[in-house]
Amino acid sequence: MTPVDPTLPYDDQNIFAKILRGEIPCTKVYEDEWAFAFLDINPQAPEHILVVPKGPYVSWDDFSLTASAEEIAGFIRAVGKIAREKGLVEPGYRAIANIGPNSGQLVPHLHVHICGGRPLGRMIPE
């Protein structure tokens, strides 16, 4: 896959949009008014959950610029709630949102990876 340009318009045919519409199956972990979460099909840790906002946002930049305060608060609260429900707060977890080609963002829909269940090491190697 080619990394995503976060300045491009939202593409409603991306894989996460299709998952949100129920066109592609997933293992749902959580859903509320603002967010939908499911297991990553290529987990990088014992717990690897993807959390996506229900609105059409390409990246964190797009989301922070155009989403309503309620959407932003609801999405961030969902990420925290999922981590708590999965027992990841102690001893810790990582929440990652890749934005743009330099980060390796592959799907043009904002998503946060919640990873935990083992020591994850340094985020960026020295």
N, C-alpha and C. Protein backbone atom coordinates (compact mmCIF):
# COMPACT_ATOMS: atom_id res chain seq x y z
N MET A 1 0.84 -1.19 0.00
CA MET A 1 0.00 0.00 0.00
C MET A 1 0.88 1.25 0.00
N THR A 2 0.37 2.28 -0.61
CA THR A 2 1.07 3.57 -0.66
C THR A 2 0.67 4.41 0.54
N PRO A 3 1.63 5.06 1.20
CA PRO A 3 1.27 5.95 2.31
C PRO A 3 0.29 7.03 1.87
N VAL A 4 -0.53 7.48 2.82
CA VAL A 4 -1.64 8.40 2.58
C VAL A 4 -1.18 9.85 2.66
N ASP A 5 -1.68 10.67 1.75
CA ASP A 5 -1.50 12.12 1.83
C ASP A 5 -2.69 12.66 2.63
N PRO A 6 -2.46 13.15 3.87
CA PRO A 6 -3.58 13.57 4.72
C PRO A 6 -4.28 14.84 4.26
N THR A 7 -3.77 15.47 3.20
CA THR A 7 -4.41 16.69 2.71
C THR A 7 -5.45 16.38 1.63
N LEU A 8 -5.50 15.14 1.18
CA LEU A 8 -6.48 14.76 0.15
C LEU A 8 -7.87 14.66 0.75
N PRO A 9 -8.91 14.79 -0.07
CA PRO A 9 -10.29 14.63 0.44
C PRO A 9 -10.53 13.20 0.91
N TYR A 10 -11.51 13.05 1.77
CA TYR A 10 -11.87 11.74 2.31
C TYR A 10 -12.36 10.83 1.19
N ASP A 11 -11.88 9.59 1.18
CA ASP A 11 -12.29 8.57 0.21
C ASP A 11 -13.21 7.58 0.92
N ASP A 12 -14.50 7.61 0.61
CA ASP A 12 -15.45 6.74 1.31
C ASP A 12 -15.37 5.28 0.88
N GLN A 13 -14.41 4.94 0.03
CA GLN A 13 -14.20 3.54 -0.35
C GLN A 13 -13.01 2.92 0.39
N ASN A 14 -12.44 3.64 1.36
CA ASN A 14 -11.33 3.06 2.12
C ASN A 14 -11.84 1.91 2.99
N ILE A 15 -10.91 1.03 3.39
CA ILE A 15 -11.30 -0.19 4.10
C ILE A 15 -12.02 0.10 5.41
N PHE A 16 -11.63 1.15 6.14
CA PHE A 16 -12.30 1.44 7.41
C PHE A 16 -13.71 1.97 7.19
N ALA A 17 -13.92 2.74 6.14
CA ALA A 17 -15.28 3.20 5.81
C ALA A 17 -16.16 1.99 5.50
N LYS A 18 -15.60 1.02 4.78
CA LYS A 18 -16.36 -0.19 4.45
C LYS A 18 -16.65 -1.01 5.70
N ILE A 19 -15.71 -1.07 6.63
CA ILE A 19 -15.95 -1.77 7.90
C ILE A 19 -17.06 -1.05 8.68
N LEU A 20 -17.01 0.27 8.74
CA LEU A 20 -18.05 1.03 9.44
C LEU A 20 -19.43 0.79 8.85
N ARG A 21 -19.50 0.62 7.53
CA ARG A 21 -20.80 0.38 6.87
C ARG A 21 -21.22 -1.09 6.93
N GLY A 22 -20.37 -1.95 7.48
CA GLY A 22 -20.69 -3.37 7.58
C GLY A 22 -20.44 -4.15 6.30
N GLU A 23 -19.72 -3.56 5.35
CA GLU A 23 -19.43 -4.24 4.08
C GLU A 23 -18.27 -5.21 4.20
N ILE A 24 -17.40 -5.01 5.18
CA ILE A 24 -16.27 -5.89 5.44
C ILE A 24 -16.38 -6.33 6.89
N PRO A 25 -16.30 -7.65 7.15
CA PRO A 25 -16.42 -8.11 8.53
C PRO A 25 -15.18 -7.77 9.36
N CYS A 26 -15.40 -7.71 10.67
CA CYS A 26 -14.31 -7.48 11.61
C CYS A 26 -14.71 -8.07 12.95
N THR A 27 -13.77 -8.12 13.86
CA THR A 27 -14.07 -8.54 15.23
C THR A 27 -14.22 -7.28 16.06
N LYS A 28 -15.49 -6.90 16.28
CA LYS A 28 -15.80 -5.66 16.99
C LYS A 28 -15.43 -5.80 18.47
N VAL A 29 -14.81 -4.73 18.99
CA VAL A 29 -14.42 -4.67 20.39
C VAL A 29 -15.29 -3.66 21.13
N TYR A 30 -15.70 -2.58 20.43
CA TYR A 30 -16.41 -1.49 21.09
C TYR A 30 -17.13 -0.67 20.04
N GLU A 31 -18.27 -0.11 20.44
CA GLU A 31 -18.96 0.84 19.57
C GLU A 31 -19.81 1.76 20.43
N ASP A 32 -19.79 3.03 20.08
CA ASP A 32 -20.70 4.01 20.67
C ASP A 32 -21.05 5.03 19.60
N GLU A 33 -21.62 6.13 20.00
CA GLU A 33 -22.06 7.16 19.06
C GLU A 33 -20.91 7.74 18.23
N TRP A 34 -19.70 7.77 18.80
CA TRP A 34 -18.59 8.48 18.19
C TRP A 34 -17.50 7.60 17.61
N ALA A 35 -17.39 6.37 18.10
CA ALA A 35 -16.24 5.54 17.74
C ALA A 35 -16.64 4.09 17.51
N PHE A 36 -15.80 3.42 16.74
CA PHE A 36 -15.95 1.99 16.47
C PHE A 36 -14.56 1.40 16.62
N ALA A 37 -14.45 0.27 17.33
CA ALA A 37 -13.15 -0.35 17.56
C ALA A 37 -13.22 -1.83 17.21
N PHE A 38 -12.12 -2.32 16.66
CA PHE A 38 -12.06 -3.72 16.24
C PHE A 38 -10.62 -4.22 16.31
N LEU A 39 -10.46 -5.54 16.33
CA LEU A 39 -9.13 -6.12 16.40
C LEU A 39 -8.40 -5.93 15.08
N ASP A 40 -7.11 -5.61 15.18
CA ASP A 40 -6.27 -5.49 13.99
C ASP A 40 -6.06 -6.88 13.41
N ILE A 41 -6.16 -7.02 12.09
CA ILE A 41 -5.99 -8.34 11.46
C ILE A 41 -4.53 -8.75 11.37
N ASN A 42 -3.61 -7.82 11.63
CA ASN A 42 -2.18 -8.12 11.63
C ASN A 42 -1.58 -7.55 12.93
N PRO A 43 -1.93 -8.16 14.09
CA PRO A 43 -1.54 -7.57 15.37
C PRO A 43 -0.04 -7.51 15.57
N GLN A 44 0.41 -6.39 16.14
CA GLN A 44 1.81 -6.18 16.44
C GLN A 44 2.11 -6.35 17.93
N ALA A 45 1.09 -6.66 18.72
CA ALA A 45 1.20 -6.88 20.15
C ALA A 45 0.07 -7.82 20.56
N PRO A 46 0.16 -8.44 21.75
CA PRO A 46 -0.94 -9.32 22.18
C PRO A 46 -2.31 -8.64 22.16
N GLU A 47 -2.34 -7.37 22.51
CA GLU A 47 -3.56 -6.57 22.36
C GLU A 47 -3.27 -5.52 21.29
N HIS A 48 -4.01 -5.56 20.19
CA HIS A 48 -3.84 -4.57 19.13
C HIS A 48 -5.23 -4.27 18.58
N ILE A 49 -5.73 -3.13 18.98
CA ILE A 49 -7.10 -2.71 18.65
C ILE A 49 -7.03 -1.43 17.83
N LEU A 50 -7.83 -1.35 16.79
CA LEU A 50 -7.95 -0.13 16.00
C LEU A 50 -9.23 0.59 16.41
N VAL A 51 -9.11 1.88 16.65
CA VAL A 51 -10.27 2.70 17.01
C VAL A 51 -10.41 3.77 15.94
N VAL A 52 -11.59 3.84 15.34
CA VAL A 52 -11.85 4.82 14.28
C VAL A 52 -13.04 5.69 14.68
N PRO A 53 -12.97 6.98 14.35
CA PRO A 53 -14.16 7.81 14.55
C PRO A 53 -15.20 7.42 13.50
N LYS A 54 -16.45 7.62 13.81
CA LYS A 54 -17.50 7.28 12.86
C LYS A 54 -17.64 8.31 11.75
N GLY A 55 -17.08 9.48 11.94
CA GLY A 55 -17.13 10.51 10.90
C GLY A 55 -16.05 10.34 9.86
N PRO A 56 -16.18 11.01 8.73
CA PRO A 56 -15.24 10.87 7.61
C PRO A 56 -14.01 11.78 7.73
N TYR A 57 -13.04 11.32 8.50
CA TYR A 57 -11.83 12.11 8.73
C TYR A 57 -10.61 11.36 8.22
N VAL A 58 -9.79 12.03 7.42
CA VAL A 58 -8.61 11.42 6.82
C VAL A 58 -7.51 11.19 7.86
N SER A 59 -7.32 12.16 8.76
CA SER A 59 -6.18 12.11 9.67
C SER A 59 -6.50 12.86 10.96
N TRP A 60 -5.56 12.79 11.89
CA TRP A 60 -5.71 13.54 13.14
C TRP A 60 -5.79 15.03 12.84
N ASP A 61 -5.02 15.50 11.88
CA ASP A 61 -5.05 16.91 11.50
C ASP A 61 -6.44 17.30 11.01
N ASP A 62 -7.00 16.52 10.11
CA ASP A 62 -8.35 16.76 9.58
C ASP A 62 -9.37 16.73 10.71
N PHE A 63 -9.28 15.73 11.57
CA PHE A 63 -10.21 15.55 12.68
C PHE A 63 -10.15 16.74 13.64
N SER A 64 -8.94 17.13 14.04
CA SER A 64 -8.80 18.21 15.01
C SER A 64 -9.25 19.56 14.44
N LEU A 65 -9.18 19.69 13.12
CA LEU A 65 -9.56 20.94 12.46
C LEU A 65 -11.06 21.03 12.20
N THR A 66 -11.70 19.89 11.86
CA THR A 66 -13.08 19.96 11.36
C THR A 66 -14.13 19.25 12.21
N ALA A 67 -13.74 18.35 13.10
CA ALA A 67 -14.74 17.64 13.91
C ALA A 67 -15.31 18.57 14.98
N SER A 68 -16.51 18.25 15.42
CA SER A 68 -17.12 19.03 16.50
C SER A 68 -16.43 18.68 17.83
N ALA A 69 -16.60 19.55 18.80
CA ALA A 69 -16.04 19.30 20.13
C ALA A 69 -16.60 18.00 20.70
N GLU A 70 -17.87 17.71 20.44
CA GLU A 70 -18.48 16.48 20.94
C GLU A 70 -17.85 15.25 20.29
N GLU A 71 -17.58 15.32 18.99
CA GLU A 71 -16.93 14.19 18.31
C GLU A 71 -15.53 13.96 18.85
N ILE A 72 -14.79 15.03 19.03
CA ILE A 72 -13.42 14.90 19.52
C ILE A 72 -13.42 14.30 20.93
N ALA A 73 -14.23 14.86 21.81
CA ALA A 73 -14.29 14.35 23.18
C ALA A 73 -14.77 12.90 23.21
N GLY A 74 -15.80 12.59 22.43
CA GLY A 74 -16.33 11.23 22.40
C GLY A 74 -15.31 10.23 21.91
N PHE A 75 -14.55 10.59 20.88
CA PHE A 75 -13.54 9.68 20.33
C PHE A 75 -12.42 9.45 21.33
N ILE A 76 -11.91 10.52 21.91
CA ILE A 76 -10.81 10.39 22.88
C ILE A 76 -11.26 9.60 24.10
N ARG A 77 -12.47 9.83 24.56
CA ARG A 77 -12.99 9.06 25.70
C ARG A 77 -13.13 7.59 25.35
N ALA A 78 -13.52 7.30 24.10
CA ALA A 78 -13.64 5.90 23.67
C ALA A 78 -12.28 5.20 23.72
N VAL A 79 -11.23 5.86 23.26
CA VAL A 79 -9.89 5.26 23.30
C VAL A 79 -9.53 4.92 24.75
N GLY A 80 -9.73 5.85 25.66
CA GLY A 80 -9.44 5.60 27.07
C GLY A 80 -10.29 4.49 27.66
N LYS A 81 -11.56 4.48 27.33
CA LYS A 81 -12.47 3.45 27.87
C LYS A 81 -12.05 2.07 27.40
N ILE A 82 -11.70 1.93 26.13
CA ILE A 82 -11.27 0.64 25.59
C ILE A 82 -10.01 0.17 26.31
N ALA A 83 -9.05 1.05 26.50
CA ALA A 83 -7.81 0.68 27.21
C ALA A 83 -8.11 0.23 28.63
N ARG A 84 -9.00 0.94 29.32
CA ARG A 84 -9.37 0.54 30.68
C ARG A 84 -10.07 -0.81 30.68
N GLU A 85 -11.04 -0.99 29.77
CA GLU A 85 -11.80 -2.25 29.73
C GLU A 85 -10.91 -3.45 29.41
N LYS A 86 -9.86 -3.23 28.65
CA LYS A 86 -8.92 -4.31 28.29
C LYS A 86 -7.84 -4.51 29.35
N GLY A 87 -7.86 -3.71 30.43
CA GLY A 87 -6.88 -3.86 31.50
C GLY A 87 -5.49 -3.42 31.11
N LEU A 88 -5.39 -2.44 30.20
CA LEU A 88 -4.09 -2.03 29.69
C LEU A 88 -3.49 -0.82 30.40
N VAL A 89 -4.29 -0.12 31.20
CA VAL A 89 -3.78 1.10 31.82
C VAL A 89 -2.58 0.80 32.70
N GLU A 90 -2.65 -0.27 33.48
CA GLU A 90 -1.51 -0.72 34.27
C GLU A 90 -1.22 -2.14 33.81
N PRO A 91 -0.10 -2.44 33.22
CA PRO A 91 1.18 -1.76 33.30
C PRO A 91 1.46 -0.76 32.19
N GLY A 92 0.54 -0.53 31.29
CA GLY A 92 0.73 0.49 30.26
C GLY A 92 0.44 -0.01 28.87
N TYR A 93 0.23 0.93 27.97
CA TYR A 93 -0.08 0.64 26.58
C TYR A 93 0.39 1.80 25.73
N ARG A 94 0.31 1.62 24.44
CA ARG A 94 0.67 2.67 23.51
C ARG A 94 -0.54 2.98 22.64
N ALA A 95 -0.81 4.27 22.44
CA ALA A 95 -1.85 4.72 21.51
C ALA A 95 -1.14 5.46 20.39
N ILE A 96 -1.30 4.97 19.17
CA ILE A 96 -0.57 5.51 18.03
C ILE A 96 -1.56 5.96 16.96
N ALA A 97 -1.34 7.16 16.45
CA ALA A 97 -2.08 7.65 15.29
C ALA A 97 -1.05 8.10 14.27
N ASN A 98 -0.95 7.40 13.17
CA ASN A 98 -0.03 7.77 12.10
C ASN A 98 -0.71 8.79 11.19
N ILE A 99 0.02 9.87 10.87
CA ILE A 99 -0.54 10.92 10.03
C ILE A 99 0.42 11.18 8.87
N GLY A 100 -0.03 10.87 7.67
CA GLY A 100 0.74 11.19 6.48
C GLY A 100 1.80 10.17 6.10
N PRO A 101 2.44 10.40 4.95
CA PRO A 101 3.37 9.43 4.40
C PRO A 101 4.63 9.20 5.25
N ASN A 102 5.15 10.21 5.91
CA ASN A 102 6.36 9.99 6.71
C ASN A 102 6.11 9.08 7.90
N SER A 103 4.86 8.99 8.35
CA SER A 103 4.53 8.13 9.49
C SER A 103 4.18 6.71 9.04
N GLY A 104 3.90 6.55 7.76
CA GLY A 104 3.47 5.24 7.26
C GLY A 104 1.97 5.04 7.31
N GLN A 105 1.18 6.11 7.42
CA GLN A 105 -0.28 5.96 7.40
C GLN A 105 -0.69 5.33 6.08
N LEU A 106 -1.42 4.21 6.16
CA LEU A 106 -1.80 3.48 4.95
C LEU A 106 -3.27 3.60 4.60
N VAL A 107 -4.12 3.81 5.60
CA VAL A 107 -5.57 3.91 5.35
C VAL A 107 -5.99 5.36 5.56
N PRO A 108 -6.68 5.96 4.57
CA PRO A 108 -7.06 7.37 4.67
C PRO A 108 -8.31 7.61 5.52
N HIS A 109 -8.31 7.04 6.71
CA HIS A 109 -9.36 7.27 7.70
C HIS A 109 -8.64 7.32 9.04
N LEU A 110 -8.82 8.41 9.80
CA LEU A 110 -8.18 8.51 11.10
C LEU A 110 -8.40 7.23 11.89
N HIS A 111 -7.34 6.71 12.47
CA HIS A 111 -7.45 5.56 13.35
C HIS A 111 -6.34 5.60 14.38
N VAL A 112 -6.66 5.11 15.56
CA VAL A 112 -5.70 5.01 16.65
C VAL A 112 -5.47 3.53 16.91
N HIS A 113 -4.20 3.14 16.95
CA HIS A 113 -3.82 1.78 17.34
C HIS A 113 -3.64 1.78 18.85
N ILE A 114 -4.33 0.91 19.55
CA ILE A 114 -4.08 0.68 20.97
C ILE A 114 -3.31 -0.64 21.04
N CYS A 115 -2.06 -0.56 21.51
CA CYS A 115 -1.21 -1.75 21.58
C CYS A 115 -0.74 -1.95 23.01
N GLY A 116 -0.77 -3.20 23.45
CA GLY A 116 -0.31 -3.51 24.80
C GLY A 116 -0.28 -5.01 25.02
N GLY A 117 -0.14 -5.37 26.28
CA GLY A 117 -0.11 -6.79 26.63
C GLY A 117 1.29 -7.35 26.75
N ARG A 118 2.30 -6.53 26.49
CA ARG A 118 3.71 -6.91 26.66
C ARG A 118 4.53 -5.63 26.64
N PRO A 119 5.79 -5.68 27.13
CA PRO A 119 6.65 -4.51 27.00
C PRO A 119 6.86 -4.20 25.52
N LEU A 120 6.67 -2.95 25.13
CA LEU A 120 6.73 -2.57 23.73
C LEU A 120 8.07 -1.96 23.32
N GLY A 121 8.93 -1.67 24.27
CA GLY A 121 10.23 -1.11 23.93
C GLY A 121 10.12 0.35 23.52
N ARG A 122 11.22 0.85 22.98
CA ARG A 122 11.25 2.24 22.53
C ARG A 122 10.33 2.44 21.35
N MET A 123 9.68 3.59 21.31
CA MET A 123 8.78 3.87 20.20
C MET A 123 9.54 4.12 18.92
N ILE A 124 10.62 4.90 19.01
CA ILE A 124 11.44 5.18 17.83
C ILE A 124 12.86 4.76 18.18
N PRO A 125 13.43 3.82 17.43
CA PRO A 125 14.80 3.37 17.74
C PRO A 125 15.78 4.54 17.66
N GLU A 126 16.80 4.49 18.52
CA GLU A 126 17.82 5.55 18.50
C GLU A 126 18.65 5.50 17.25
